[in-house]
Amino acid sequence: MTVKEEIEARLTTAFSPERLEVTNESHKHAGHAGDDGSGASHFHILIRAPAFAVLPRVARHRAVQAALGDLNQRVHAIGLDVG
């Protein structure tokens, strides 16, 4: 399973999102700090789920980070658009 697929699986399980887009942006950071050459170092996540409606912005981000668990250690950067 790719890192992108792991991200999608974990977020789908945790939040049953209405919309989920996981974009691998590693190619934009080739040769920069944090690029480990794996092609799976930088991602952007757009997620929309009813569970986020009652949470403030910081709590939404923390919930996503918690759902990603150890992937936070394996990926250099994750951009979030949570709603």
N, C-alpha and C. Protein backbone atom coordinates (compact mmCIF):
# COMPACT_ATOMS: atom_id res chain seq x y z
N MET A 1 0.85 -1.17 0.00
CA MET A 1 0.00 0.00 0.00
C MET A 1 0.90 1.24 0.00
N THR A 2 0.59 2.20 -0.84
CA THR A 2 1.37 3.44 -0.89
C THR A 2 1.02 4.33 0.30
N VAL A 3 1.86 5.32 0.55
CA VAL A 3 1.59 6.26 1.64
C VAL A 3 0.27 6.98 1.37
N LYS A 4 0.03 7.37 0.14
CA LYS A 4 -1.23 8.04 -0.22
C LYS A 4 -2.42 7.14 0.11
N GLU A 5 -2.33 5.88 -0.23
CA GLU A 5 -3.41 4.94 0.06
C GLU A 5 -3.60 4.75 1.56
N GLU A 6 -2.50 4.73 2.31
CA GLU A 6 -2.60 4.63 3.77
C GLU A 6 -3.30 5.85 4.36
N ILE A 7 -2.95 7.03 3.87
CA ILE A 7 -3.60 8.25 4.35
C ILE A 7 -5.09 8.18 4.07
N GLU A 8 -5.45 7.83 2.85
CA GLU A 8 -6.86 7.73 2.47
C GLU A 8 -7.61 6.72 3.33
N ALA A 9 -7.01 5.56 3.55
CA ALA A 9 -7.66 4.51 4.34
C ALA A 9 -7.88 4.96 5.78
N ARG A 10 -6.86 5.55 6.38
CA ARG A 10 -6.98 5.97 7.78
C ARG A 10 -8.02 7.07 7.96
N LEU A 11 -8.03 8.03 7.05
CA LEU A 11 -8.99 9.14 7.18
C LEU A 11 -10.40 8.69 6.86
N THR A 12 -10.54 7.78 5.92
CA THR A 12 -11.88 7.25 5.60
C THR A 12 -12.43 6.47 6.79
N THR A 13 -11.60 5.66 7.41
CA THR A 13 -12.02 4.89 8.58
C THR A 13 -12.38 5.80 9.74
N ALA A 14 -11.59 6.81 9.97
CA ALA A 14 -11.79 7.69 11.13
C ALA A 14 -12.96 8.64 10.98
N PHE A 15 -13.21 9.14 9.75
CA PHE A 15 -14.17 10.24 9.60
C PHE A 15 -15.30 10.01 8.61
N SER A 16 -15.27 8.96 7.82
CA SER A 16 -16.27 8.74 6.77
C SER A 16 -16.54 10.04 6.02
N PRO A 17 -15.52 10.60 5.40
CA PRO A 17 -15.66 11.92 4.79
C PRO A 17 -16.60 11.93 3.59
N GLU A 18 -17.24 13.08 3.41
CA GLU A 18 -18.06 13.31 2.23
C GLU A 18 -17.17 13.61 1.03
N ARG A 19 -16.01 14.19 1.33
CA ARG A 19 -15.03 14.51 0.28
C ARG A 19 -13.63 14.32 0.86
N LEU A 20 -12.80 13.65 0.10
CA LEU A 20 -11.42 13.43 0.51
C LEU A 20 -10.53 13.45 -0.73
N GLU A 21 -9.57 14.37 -0.72
CA GLU A 21 -8.60 14.45 -1.81
C GLU A 21 -7.21 14.46 -1.18
N VAL A 22 -6.42 13.48 -1.52
CA VAL A 22 -5.04 13.40 -1.03
C VAL A 22 -4.14 13.56 -2.25
N THR A 23 -3.34 14.62 -2.24
CA THR A 23 -2.48 14.93 -3.36
C THR A 23 -1.02 14.80 -2.95
N ASN A 24 -0.29 13.99 -3.68
CA ASN A 24 1.14 13.84 -3.44
C ASN A 24 1.85 15.00 -4.13
N GLU A 25 2.44 15.88 -3.34
CA GLU A 25 3.13 17.06 -3.86
C GLU A 25 4.65 16.92 -3.73
N SER A 26 5.13 15.72 -3.55
CA SER A 26 6.56 15.48 -3.34
C SER A 26 7.41 16.00 -4.49
N HIS A 27 6.91 15.88 -5.71
CA HIS A 27 7.67 16.31 -6.87
C HIS A 27 7.99 17.81 -6.82
N LYS A 28 7.18 18.59 -6.14
CA LYS A 28 7.40 20.03 -6.02
C LYS A 28 8.55 20.36 -5.07
N HIS A 29 8.97 19.38 -4.29
CA HIS A 29 9.97 19.60 -3.25
C HIS A 29 11.25 18.79 -3.47
N ALA A 30 11.40 18.25 -4.67
CA ALA A 30 12.59 17.45 -4.97
C ALA A 30 13.85 18.26 -4.74
N GLY A 31 14.77 17.69 -3.97
CA GLY A 31 16.03 18.35 -3.68
C GLY A 31 15.98 19.31 -2.51
N HIS A 32 14.80 19.56 -1.97
CA HIS A 32 14.66 20.47 -0.83
C HIS A 32 14.82 19.69 0.48
N ALA A 33 14.92 20.43 1.57
CA ALA A 33 14.97 19.81 2.89
C ALA A 33 13.73 18.95 3.09
N GLY A 34 13.90 17.79 3.63
CA GLY A 34 12.78 16.89 3.89
C GLY A 34 12.49 15.93 2.76
N ASP A 35 13.08 16.16 1.60
CA ASP A 35 12.89 15.24 0.48
C ASP A 35 13.83 14.06 0.69
N ASP A 36 13.25 12.91 0.97
CA ASP A 36 14.08 11.73 1.22
C ASP A 36 14.27 10.88 -0.03
N GLY A 37 13.77 11.36 -1.15
CA GLY A 37 13.93 10.63 -2.41
C GLY A 37 12.91 9.54 -2.63
N SER A 38 12.02 9.34 -1.67
CA SER A 38 11.02 8.27 -1.78
C SER A 38 9.86 8.63 -2.70
N GLY A 39 9.68 9.92 -2.96
CA GLY A 39 8.53 10.35 -3.74
C GLY A 39 7.26 10.38 -2.91
N ALA A 40 7.41 10.27 -1.59
CA ALA A 40 6.25 10.27 -0.70
C ALA A 40 6.57 11.07 0.57
N SER A 41 7.04 12.30 0.35
CA SER A 41 7.47 13.11 1.50
C SER A 41 6.56 14.30 1.79
N HIS A 42 5.78 14.74 0.80
CA HIS A 42 4.94 15.93 0.95
C HIS A 42 3.55 15.64 0.38
N PHE A 43 2.52 15.91 1.19
CA PHE A 43 1.14 15.68 0.76
C PHE A 43 0.26 16.86 1.13
N HIS A 44 -0.81 17.01 0.38
CA HIS A 44 -1.85 17.97 0.73
C HIS A 44 -3.14 17.18 0.86
N ILE A 45 -3.87 17.45 1.95
CA ILE A 45 -5.13 16.74 2.21
C ILE A 45 -6.27 17.74 2.29
N LEU A 46 -7.29 17.50 1.50
CA LEU A 46 -8.55 18.23 1.60
C LEU A 46 -9.56 17.21 2.10
N ILE A 47 -10.20 17.51 3.22
CA ILE A 47 -11.17 16.58 3.79
C ILE A 47 -12.38 17.35 4.29
N ARG A 48 -13.56 16.84 3.98
CA ARG A 48 -14.82 17.38 4.45
C ARG A 48 -15.61 16.24 5.09
N ALA A 49 -15.98 16.44 6.35
CA ALA A 49 -16.72 15.40 7.06
C ALA A 49 -17.64 16.06 8.09
N PRO A 50 -18.82 15.49 8.30
CA PRO A 50 -19.75 16.04 9.29
C PRO A 50 -19.14 16.13 10.69
N ALA A 51 -18.25 15.23 11.03
CA ALA A 51 -17.64 15.22 12.36
C ALA A 51 -16.91 16.52 12.67
N PHE A 52 -16.46 17.23 11.65
CA PHE A 52 -15.71 18.46 11.86
C PHE A 52 -16.60 19.68 12.12
N ALA A 53 -17.88 19.56 11.86
CA ALA A 53 -18.79 20.70 11.98
C ALA A 53 -18.80 21.31 13.37
N VAL A 54 -18.63 20.50 14.38
CA VAL A 54 -18.72 20.99 15.77
C VAL A 54 -17.35 21.31 16.37
N LEU A 55 -16.29 21.11 15.61
CA LEU A 55 -14.94 21.31 16.14
C LEU A 55 -14.34 22.63 15.64
N PRO A 56 -13.63 23.33 16.52
CA PRO A 56 -12.87 24.49 16.05
C PRO A 56 -11.71 24.04 15.15
N ARG A 57 -11.14 24.97 14.42
CA ARG A 57 -10.12 24.66 13.43
C ARG A 57 -8.94 23.86 14.00
N VAL A 58 -8.41 24.28 15.12
CA VAL A 58 -7.25 23.58 15.69
C VAL A 58 -7.62 22.15 16.07
N ALA A 59 -8.80 21.95 16.61
CA ALA A 59 -9.26 20.61 16.99
C ALA A 59 -9.43 19.72 15.75
N ARG A 60 -9.86 20.31 14.64
CA ARG A 60 -9.99 19.54 13.39
C ARG A 60 -8.62 19.03 12.94
N HIS A 61 -7.65 19.92 12.97
CA HIS A 61 -6.30 19.54 12.55
C HIS A 61 -5.72 18.48 13.48
N ARG A 62 -5.94 18.64 14.77
CA ARG A 62 -5.45 17.65 15.73
C ARG A 62 -6.11 16.29 15.52
N ALA A 63 -7.39 16.30 15.19
CA ALA A 63 -8.10 15.04 14.95
C ALA A 63 -7.53 14.32 13.73
N VAL A 64 -7.24 15.07 12.68
CA VAL A 64 -6.66 14.47 11.47
C VAL A 64 -5.26 13.93 11.80
N GLN A 65 -4.45 14.71 12.49
CA GLN A 65 -3.11 14.25 12.85
C GLN A 65 -3.17 12.98 13.71
N ALA A 66 -4.12 12.93 14.63
CA ALA A 66 -4.28 11.74 15.47
C ALA A 66 -4.66 10.52 14.62
N ALA A 67 -5.55 10.72 13.66
CA ALA A 67 -5.97 9.61 12.80
C ALA A 67 -4.81 9.11 11.94
N LEU A 68 -3.91 10.01 11.55
CA LEU A 68 -2.77 9.61 10.72
C LEU A 68 -1.71 8.86 11.53
N GLY A 69 -1.69 9.08 12.84
CA GLY A 69 -0.79 8.34 13.72
C GLY A 69 0.66 8.38 13.29
N ASP A 70 1.28 7.22 13.13
CA ASP A 70 2.70 7.12 12.81
C ASP A 70 3.07 7.65 11.44
N LEU A 71 2.10 7.89 10.57
CA LEU A 71 2.40 8.46 9.27
C LEU A 71 2.98 9.87 9.43
N ASN A 72 2.64 10.54 10.52
CA ASN A 72 3.19 11.87 10.77
C ASN A 72 4.71 11.82 10.89
N GLN A 73 5.25 10.71 11.32
CA GLN A 73 6.70 10.56 11.46
C GLN A 73 7.35 10.17 10.13
N ARG A 74 6.59 9.55 9.25
CA ARG A 74 7.13 9.05 7.99
C ARG A 74 7.04 10.06 6.85
N VAL A 75 6.18 11.06 7.00
CA VAL A 75 5.98 12.07 5.96
C VAL A 75 6.54 13.39 6.48
N HIS A 76 7.30 14.08 5.63
CA HIS A 76 7.93 15.32 6.05
C HIS A 76 6.92 16.45 6.25
N ALA A 77 5.97 16.59 5.32
CA ALA A 77 5.04 17.72 5.40
C ALA A 77 3.65 17.29 4.92
N ILE A 78 2.64 17.74 5.67
CA ILE A 78 1.24 17.49 5.29
C ILE A 78 0.50 18.80 5.41
N GLY A 79 0.00 19.28 4.29
CA GLY A 79 -0.84 20.47 4.29
C GLY A 79 -2.28 20.04 4.46
N LEU A 80 -3.03 20.77 5.30
CA LEU A 80 -4.41 20.37 5.59
C LEU A 80 -5.40 21.47 5.22
N ASP A 81 -6.49 21.04 4.62
CA ASP A 81 -7.67 21.88 4.39
C ASP A 81 -8.82 21.05 4.94
N VAL A 82 -9.20 21.35 6.18
CA VAL A 82 -10.15 20.52 6.91
C VAL A 82 -11.45 21.29 7.14
N GLY A 83 -12.57 20.65 6.84
CA GLY A 83 -13.84 21.31 7.07
C GLY A 83 -14.97 20.35 7.14
